[in-house]
Amino acid sequence: MVGSLCFMFASILINNALGHPIVHGVLPRDPTQFSFAVSLQQVLRNGTLVHFCGGTYLGQGWILTANHCVVGSDPISGIYAYVGGLPLLDSQPFVRRPVRQVISHPDYNRVTLGSDIALLRIDGADGSLQLLDKLVQSNLLLPPKVDHPSNNNMAGGFIGVGGDALNLVQSSYSGLGFDYTADQEQDEECHIFGYGSDSFYGPTSDRLQYGGPIRPLSFDRCLQMLGPVVAPATPNSGMFCAIGQADACRGDSGGGLVCRRKIWGPVGDRERPYTLRGIISYGAGCGAPASPGVYTDVSFYRTWIDELIAASELASPNA
């Protein structure tokens, strides 16, 4: 996986990918830790399936990914989703499903990569994904909806993390037997995951890797570090920057930036859930020093996600 984000201007990638140390990811200790991880795969002419991007499985057949991974794609042409976060070589037919619907955000900008988000749907009507759905339901949350998100705002649902802003879950886990205070919420720690390479020209990985911690940055700090050409266009663009001890690389785009509170240990018989904060979008090189990655802010698009899923379920209640 871990090196920088797999899409942007070619000159930026070439200038920054070579000659810099790459911060490697590690294998999850628990094979179910990232059960929501997805490998998107393309069918070659010889029939071979090849990983090209990541995604996050939301359950009920829905996958969230970066739009630049699938824009213009026709599911009939052969896109498959390998769900469950398992090693790709340990292929099991029930976790590799054809993508039958691609929904791109209507405001996606191919130049700036604004609104770099898409929903995919795979078929789970046969019930074979029920166990995975239950597992994902227990270890993955979506962030709350926000009307006017801003990476530079400390009010209205945003709190400081290391001096920068992060949109955190605004609900307690009282249903799991715990209520969290604001101080405890500030201790949230974030990671990225994917099957990508650990260098821009290196091969992708057959096993899921993750890295971190990753620290979200304020818009001003991101603009200072990346410059106006690469950084998100505005504080309210639906994109944010993050930097840390790991970075995504070629093949990691579309994967998730997930966070959970650093009050480690099980909640009853379950691990504390992650919250999907961001979608890996782009960056300047693989593991370039002092170079943040740019992520799609999931909370910014939460209403869009919910409305599409609800409309689709109403249209096909037996899907």
Protein backbone atom coordinates (compact mmCIF):
# COMPACT_ATOMS: atom_id res chain seq x y z
CA MET A 1 0.00 0.00 0.00
CA VAL A 2 1.57 2.86 1.51
CA GLY A 3 3.43 5.56 -0.45
CA SER A 4 1.19 8.50 -1.99
CA LEU A 5 -2.02 8.97 -3.79
CA CYS A 6 -2.43 7.47 -7.18
CA PHE A 7 -3.64 10.27 -9.40
CA MET A 8 -2.71 13.82 -10.27
CA PHE A 9 -0.57 15.75 -12.68
CA ALA A 10 2.14 13.56 -14.20
CA SER A 11 4.94 16.05 -13.61
CA ILE A 12 4.14 16.26 -9.89
CA LEU A 13 4.11 12.49 -9.56
CA ILE A 14 7.40 11.97 -11.38
CA ASN A 15 9.23 14.78 -9.63
CA ASN A 16 8.22 13.62 -6.17
CA ALA A 17 8.02 9.84 -6.49
CA LEU A 18 11.71 9.28 -7.20
CA GLY A 19 14.51 9.60 -4.68
CA HIS A 20 12.36 9.86 -1.57
CA PRO A 21 11.92 7.33 1.22
CA ILE A 22 8.64 5.44 1.24
CA VAL A 23 6.83 4.84 4.51
CA HIS A 24 5.53 1.27 4.37
CA GLY A 25 2.28 -0.02 5.70
CA VAL A 26 1.85 -3.13 7.79
CA LEU A 27 -0.42 -6.14 7.68
CA PRO A 28 -3.47 -6.04 9.97
CA ARG A 29 -3.02 -8.14 13.10
CA ASP A 30 -6.67 -9.13 13.02
CA PRO A 31 -7.96 -10.32 9.62
CA THR A 32 -11.37 -8.78 10.40
CA GLN A 33 -9.95 -5.38 11.38
CA PHE A 34 -10.58 -3.96 7.91
CA SER A 35 -13.34 -6.31 6.78
CA PHE A 36 -14.85 -3.34 4.93
CA ALA A 37 -11.81 -3.01 2.62
CA VAL A 38 -12.44 -3.54 -1.10
CA SER A 39 -10.20 -4.30 -4.07
CA LEU A 40 -11.65 -3.08 -7.36
CA GLN A 41 -10.48 -5.29 -10.21
CA GLN A 42 -10.55 -5.06 -13.96
CA VAL A 43 -10.84 -7.91 -16.44
CA LEU A 44 -8.00 -8.05 -18.95
CA ARG A 45 -8.39 -9.44 -22.44
CA ASN A 46 -6.98 -12.78 -21.32
CA GLY A 47 -9.59 -13.00 -18.58
CA THR A 48 -7.21 -12.16 -15.72
CA LEU A 49 -8.50 -9.95 -12.93
CA VAL A 50 -6.14 -7.12 -11.94
CA HIS A 51 -6.45 -4.76 -8.97
CA PHE A 52 -6.62 -1.08 -9.95
CA CYS A 53 -8.26 0.84 -7.08
CA GLY A 54 -9.64 0.47 -3.59
CA GLY A 55 -12.98 1.07 -1.95
CA THR A 56 -14.92 0.75 1.28
CA TYR A 57 -17.79 -1.70 1.64
CA LEU A 58 -20.75 -0.11 3.43
CA GLY A 59 -22.87 -3.24 3.57
CA GLN A 60 -26.01 -4.30 1.67
CA GLY A 61 -24.04 -4.40 -1.57
CA TRP A 62 -22.89 -0.76 -1.51
CA ILE A 63 -19.28 0.38 -2.01
CA LEU A 64 -17.84 3.89 -1.70
CA THR A 65 -14.83 4.78 -3.83
CA ALA A 66 -13.12 7.66 -5.64
CA ASN A 67 -14.90 8.73 -8.79
CA HIS A 68 -11.68 9.07 -10.78
CA CYS A 69 -11.29 5.29 -10.43
CA VAL A 70 -14.53 4.50 -12.23
CA VAL A 71 -15.65 7.63 -14.12
CA GLY A 72 -16.92 6.65 -17.55
CA SER A 73 -16.80 2.95 -16.66
CA ASP A 74 -19.45 0.59 -17.92
CA PRO A 75 -20.08 -2.27 -15.47
CA ILE A 76 -20.76 -4.54 -18.43
CA SER A 77 -17.11 -4.08 -19.47
CA GLY A 78 -16.05 -6.03 -16.41
CA ILE A 79 -15.36 -4.41 -13.03
CA TYR A 80 -15.29 -6.71 -10.03
CA ALA A 81 -15.22 -5.94 -6.33
CA TYR A 82 -13.31 -8.21 -3.96
CA VAL A 83 -14.83 -7.51 -0.56
CA GLY A 84 -13.82 -8.50 2.96
CA GLY A 85 -10.23 -7.27 3.15
CA LEU A 86 -8.87 -10.77 2.50
CA PRO A 87 -5.64 -11.69 0.65
CA LEU A 88 -6.30 -11.48 -3.08
CA LEU A 89 -4.59 -14.81 -3.77
CA ASP A 90 -6.98 -16.60 -1.40
CA SER A 91 -9.78 -16.09 -3.87
CA GLN A 92 -13.23 -17.07 -2.69
CA PRO A 93 -16.06 -16.76 -5.24
CA PHE A 94 -18.60 -15.35 -2.78
CA VAL A 95 -16.45 -12.29 -1.97
CA ARG A 96 -15.66 -11.37 -5.58
CA ARG A 97 -18.71 -9.82 -7.16
CA PRO A 98 -19.33 -8.02 -10.45
CA VAL A 99 -20.14 -4.33 -10.09
CA ARG A 100 -23.59 -3.86 -11.60
CA GLN A 101 -24.11 -0.14 -10.96
CA VAL A 102 -21.76 2.86 -10.98
CA ILE A 103 -23.08 6.18 -9.67
CA SER A 104 -20.71 9.10 -10.12
CA HIS A 105 -21.21 12.37 -8.28
CA PRO A 106 -22.66 14.88 -10.74
CA ASP A 107 -20.29 17.66 -9.63
CA TYR A 108 -17.11 15.67 -10.24
CA ASN A 109 -14.37 17.79 -11.83
CA ARG A 110 -11.79 15.89 -13.88
CA VAL A 111 -9.26 18.72 -13.58
CA THR A 112 -9.41 19.60 -9.88
CA LEU A 113 -10.76 16.19 -8.76
CA GLY A 114 -13.43 17.98 -6.76
CA SER A 115 -16.36 15.75 -5.71
CA ASP A 116 -14.14 12.70 -6.20
CA ILE A 117 -16.70 10.22 -4.93
CA ALA A 118 -18.78 7.42 -6.41
CA LEU A 119 -21.14 4.72 -5.20
CA LEU A 120 -20.93 1.21 -6.61
CA ARG A 121 -23.37 -1.62 -6.16
CA ILE A 122 -22.73 -5.33 -6.20
CA ASP A 123 -25.30 -8.10 -6.01
CA GLY A 124 -25.90 -9.55 -2.55
CA ALA A 125 -29.45 -10.77 -2.99
CA ASP A 126 -28.45 -14.44 -2.66
CA GLY A 127 -27.67 -13.88 1.03
CA SER A 128 -24.03 -14.97 0.79
CA LEU A 129 -22.83 -11.59 2.09
CA GLN A 130 -25.00 -11.59 5.20
CA LEU A 131 -22.16 -12.51 7.55
CA LEU A 132 -19.94 -9.81 6.05
CA ASP A 133 -22.78 -7.30 6.29
CA LYS A 134 -23.17 -8.02 10.00
CA LEU A 135 -19.43 -7.71 10.56
CA VAL A 136 -19.23 -4.39 8.71
CA GLN A 137 -22.28 -3.12 10.57
CA SER A 138 -20.45 -3.67 13.85
CA ASN A 139 -17.04 -2.24 12.91
CA LEU A 140 -17.73 0.66 10.51
CA LEU A 141 -19.66 3.90 10.98
CA LEU A 142 -20.37 6.77 8.62
CA PRO A 143 -19.74 10.31 9.88
CA PRO A 144 -22.70 12.58 10.62
CA LYS A 145 -24.26 14.82 8.01
CA VAL A 146 -23.06 18.41 8.04
CA ASP A 147 -24.75 21.30 6.24
CA HIS A 148 -21.74 23.55 5.73
CA PRO A 149 -18.52 21.62 6.44
CA SER A 150 -15.23 23.46 6.59
CA ASN A 151 -11.75 22.23 7.33
CA ASN A 152 -10.92 25.61 8.79
CA ASN A 153 -13.78 25.83 11.26
CA MET A 154 -13.61 24.76 14.88
CA ALA A 155 -17.33 25.24 15.48
CA GLY A 156 -20.48 23.48 14.37
CA GLY A 157 -19.36 19.91 14.88
CA PHE A 158 -15.65 20.25 14.17
CA ILE A 159 -13.09 19.83 16.92
CA GLY A 160 -9.35 20.28 17.03
CA VAL A 161 -6.92 17.41 16.59
CA GLY A 162 -3.29 18.39 16.99
CA GLY A 163 -4.21 22.00 16.24
CA ASP A 164 -6.09 21.10 13.07
CA ALA A 165 -9.74 20.40 12.35
CA LEU A 166 -11.36 16.99 12.09
CA ASN A 167 -15.04 16.23 11.67
CA LEU A 168 -15.84 13.70 14.38
CA VAL A 169 -18.82 11.52 15.13
CA GLN A 170 -21.37 13.58 17.06
CA SER A 171 -23.15 10.64 18.68
CA SER A 172 -22.23 8.56 21.70
CA TYR A 173 -21.88 4.81 21.71
CA SER A 174 -24.45 4.51 24.48
CA GLY A 175 -25.93 1.57 22.61
CA LEU A 176 -22.67 -0.27 23.17
CA GLY A 177 -22.54 0.69 26.82
CA PHE A 178 -20.24 3.72 26.59
CA ASP A 179 -20.72 7.48 26.52
CA TYR A 180 -17.77 9.54 25.33
CA THR A 181 -16.79 13.03 26.38
CA ALA A 182 -15.45 15.72 24.07
CA ASP A 183 -11.95 15.24 25.50
CA GLN A 184 -12.05 11.55 24.67
CA GLU A 185 -13.29 12.28 21.16
CA GLN A 186 -10.19 14.39 20.57
CA ASP A 187 -8.05 11.27 20.93
CA GLU A 188 -9.33 9.74 17.71
CA GLU A 189 -6.59 8.11 15.62
CA CYS A 190 -6.77 7.67 11.85
CA HIS A 191 -5.39 5.11 9.39
CA ILE A 192 -5.48 4.46 5.66
CA PHE A 193 -5.73 1.04 4.01
CA GLY A 194 -5.35 -0.48 0.58
CA TYR A 195 -3.81 -3.02 -1.78
CA GLY A 196 -1.64 -0.45 -3.58
CA SER A 197 2.10 -0.38 -4.13
CA ASP A 198 4.74 0.98 -1.76
CA SER A 199 6.42 2.98 -4.54
CA PHE A 200 5.04 4.68 -7.62
CA TYR A 201 6.55 2.16 -10.05
CA GLY A 202 6.25 -0.83 -7.74
CA PRO A 203 3.73 -3.68 -7.98
CA THR A 204 0.47 -3.62 -6.08
CA SER A 205 0.09 -5.85 -3.03
CA ASP A 206 -1.74 -9.16 -2.85
CA ARG A 207 -2.44 -8.52 0.83
CA LEU A 208 -4.22 -5.60 2.43
CA GLN A 209 -1.97 -3.17 4.29
CA TYR A 210 -2.70 -0.22 6.50
CA GLY A 211 -0.67 2.67 7.83
CA GLY A 212 -0.81 5.57 10.23
CA PRO A 213 -1.49 7.45 12.28
CA ILE A 214 -2.68 10.02 9.76
CA ARG A 215 -3.44 13.57 10.94
CA PRO A 216 -5.99 15.72 9.08
CA LEU A 217 -4.82 19.25 8.34
CA SER A 218 -6.61 22.57 8.27
CA PHE A 219 -7.19 24.13 4.86
CA ASP A 220 -4.66 26.91 5.50
CA ARG A 221 -1.97 24.42 6.49
CA CYS A 222 -2.71 22.25 3.47
CA LEU A 223 -2.53 25.25 1.15
CA GLN A 224 0.81 26.20 2.67
CA MET A 225 2.24 22.71 2.17
CA LEU A 226 0.80 21.77 -1.24
CA GLY A 227 0.35 25.16 -2.88
CA PRO A 228 -2.74 26.54 -4.63
CA VAL A 229 -2.47 24.29 -7.70
CA VAL A 230 -2.56 20.96 -5.85
CA ALA A 231 -4.45 21.79 -2.64
CA PRO A 232 -8.28 21.68 -2.55
CA ALA A 233 -9.84 24.75 -4.14
CA THR A 234 -11.63 26.12 -1.06
CA PRO A 235 -12.19 25.24 2.61
CA ASN A 236 -15.72 24.12 1.73
CA SER A 237 -14.83 22.07 -1.35
CA GLY A 238 -15.64 18.68 0.18
CA MET A 239 -11.95 17.71 0.19
CA PHE A 240 -9.37 17.79 2.97
CA CYS A 241 -5.67 17.09 3.45
CA ALA A 242 -3.99 14.70 5.84
CA ILE A 243 -0.40 13.72 6.58
CA GLY A 244 1.29 11.20 8.83
CA GLN A 245 3.53 8.18 9.15
CA ALA A 246 2.04 6.58 6.04
CA ASP A 247 0.95 7.70 2.61
CA ALA A 248 -1.09 6.06 -0.13
CA CYS A 249 0.32 5.14 -3.54
CA ARG A 250 -0.61 3.74 -6.94
CA GLY A 251 -3.57 1.41 -6.53
CA ASP A 252 -4.70 2.86 -3.19
CA SER A 253 -7.04 5.50 -4.64
CA GLY A 254 -10.63 4.94 -3.61
CA GLY A 255 -9.69 3.31 -0.32
CA GLY A 256 -10.63 4.83 2.99
CA LEU A 257 -9.24 7.00 5.73
CA VAL A 258 -10.81 5.59 8.87
CA CYS A 259 -10.58 6.80 12.46
CA ARG A 260 -11.43 5.44 15.86
CA ARG A 261 -10.96 6.64 19.39
CA LYS A 262 -7.79 5.69 21.18
CA ILE A 263 -9.63 4.09 24.09
CA TRP A 264 -8.38 0.70 23.02
CA GLY A 265 -9.87 -2.59 24.02
CA PRO A 266 -13.07 -4.44 23.19
CA VAL A 267 -16.57 -3.11 23.74
CA GLY A 268 -18.19 -6.24 25.10
CA ASP A 269 -17.14 -8.88 22.59
CA ARG A 270 -16.44 -6.38 19.79
CA GLU A 271 -13.64 -4.04 18.87
CA ARG A 272 -14.43 -0.34 18.80
CA PRO A 273 -15.74 0.66 15.38
CA TYR A 274 -13.98 2.81 12.84
CA THR A 275 -15.60 5.85 11.24
CA LEU A 276 -15.05 6.40 7.53
CA ARG A 277 -13.74 9.98 7.37
CA GLY A 278 -12.23 10.20 3.91
CA ILE A 279 -11.69 8.59 0.52
CA ILE A 280 -8.14 8.47 -0.85
CA SER A 281 -8.14 10.82 -3.84
CA TYR A 282 -4.78 12.27 -4.94
CA GLY A 283 -1.45 13.70 -3.86
CA ALA A 284 2.02 14.74 -4.97
CA GLY A 285 4.20 11.67 -5.27
CA CYS A 286 4.58 8.57 -3.13
CA GLY A 287 5.75 9.24 0.39
CA ALA A 288 7.26 12.61 -0.46
CA PRO A 289 8.48 14.38 2.70
CA ALA A 290 6.11 17.03 4.08
CA SER A 291 3.61 16.33 1.30
CA PRO A 292 0.04 15.67 2.47
CA GLY A 293 -2.46 13.54 0.63
CA VAL A 294 -5.87 14.86 -0.39
CA TYR A 295 -9.05 13.03 0.58
CA THR A 296 -12.74 13.33 -0.20
CA ASP A 297 -14.66 14.33 2.94
CA VAL A 298 -17.33 11.66 3.45
CA SER A 299 -19.36 13.80 5.86
CA PHE A 300 -19.65 16.50 3.19
CA TYR A 301 -21.39 13.99 0.90
CA ARG A 302 -23.33 12.04 3.52
CA THR A 303 -26.70 13.40 2.39
CA TRP A 304 -25.93 12.47 -1.24
CA ILE A 305 -24.95 8.95 -0.16
CA ASP A 306 -28.06 8.43 1.96
CA GLU A 307 -30.45 9.77 -0.66
CA LEU A 308 -29.04 7.59 -3.44
CA ILE A 309 -29.13 4.43 -1.36
CA ALA A 310 -32.66 5.15 -0.14
CA ALA A 311 -33.91 5.88 -3.66
CA SER A 312 -32.30 2.72 -5.02
CA GLU A 313 -33.78 0.56 -2.27
CA LEU A 314 -37.25 1.96 -2.97
CA ALA A 315 -36.85 1.30 -6.69
CA SER A 316 -35.66 -2.30 -6.15
CA PRO A 317 -36.86 -3.51 -2.73
CA ASN A 318 -35.85 -7.11 -3.47
CA ALA A 319 -32.30 -6.29 -4.55
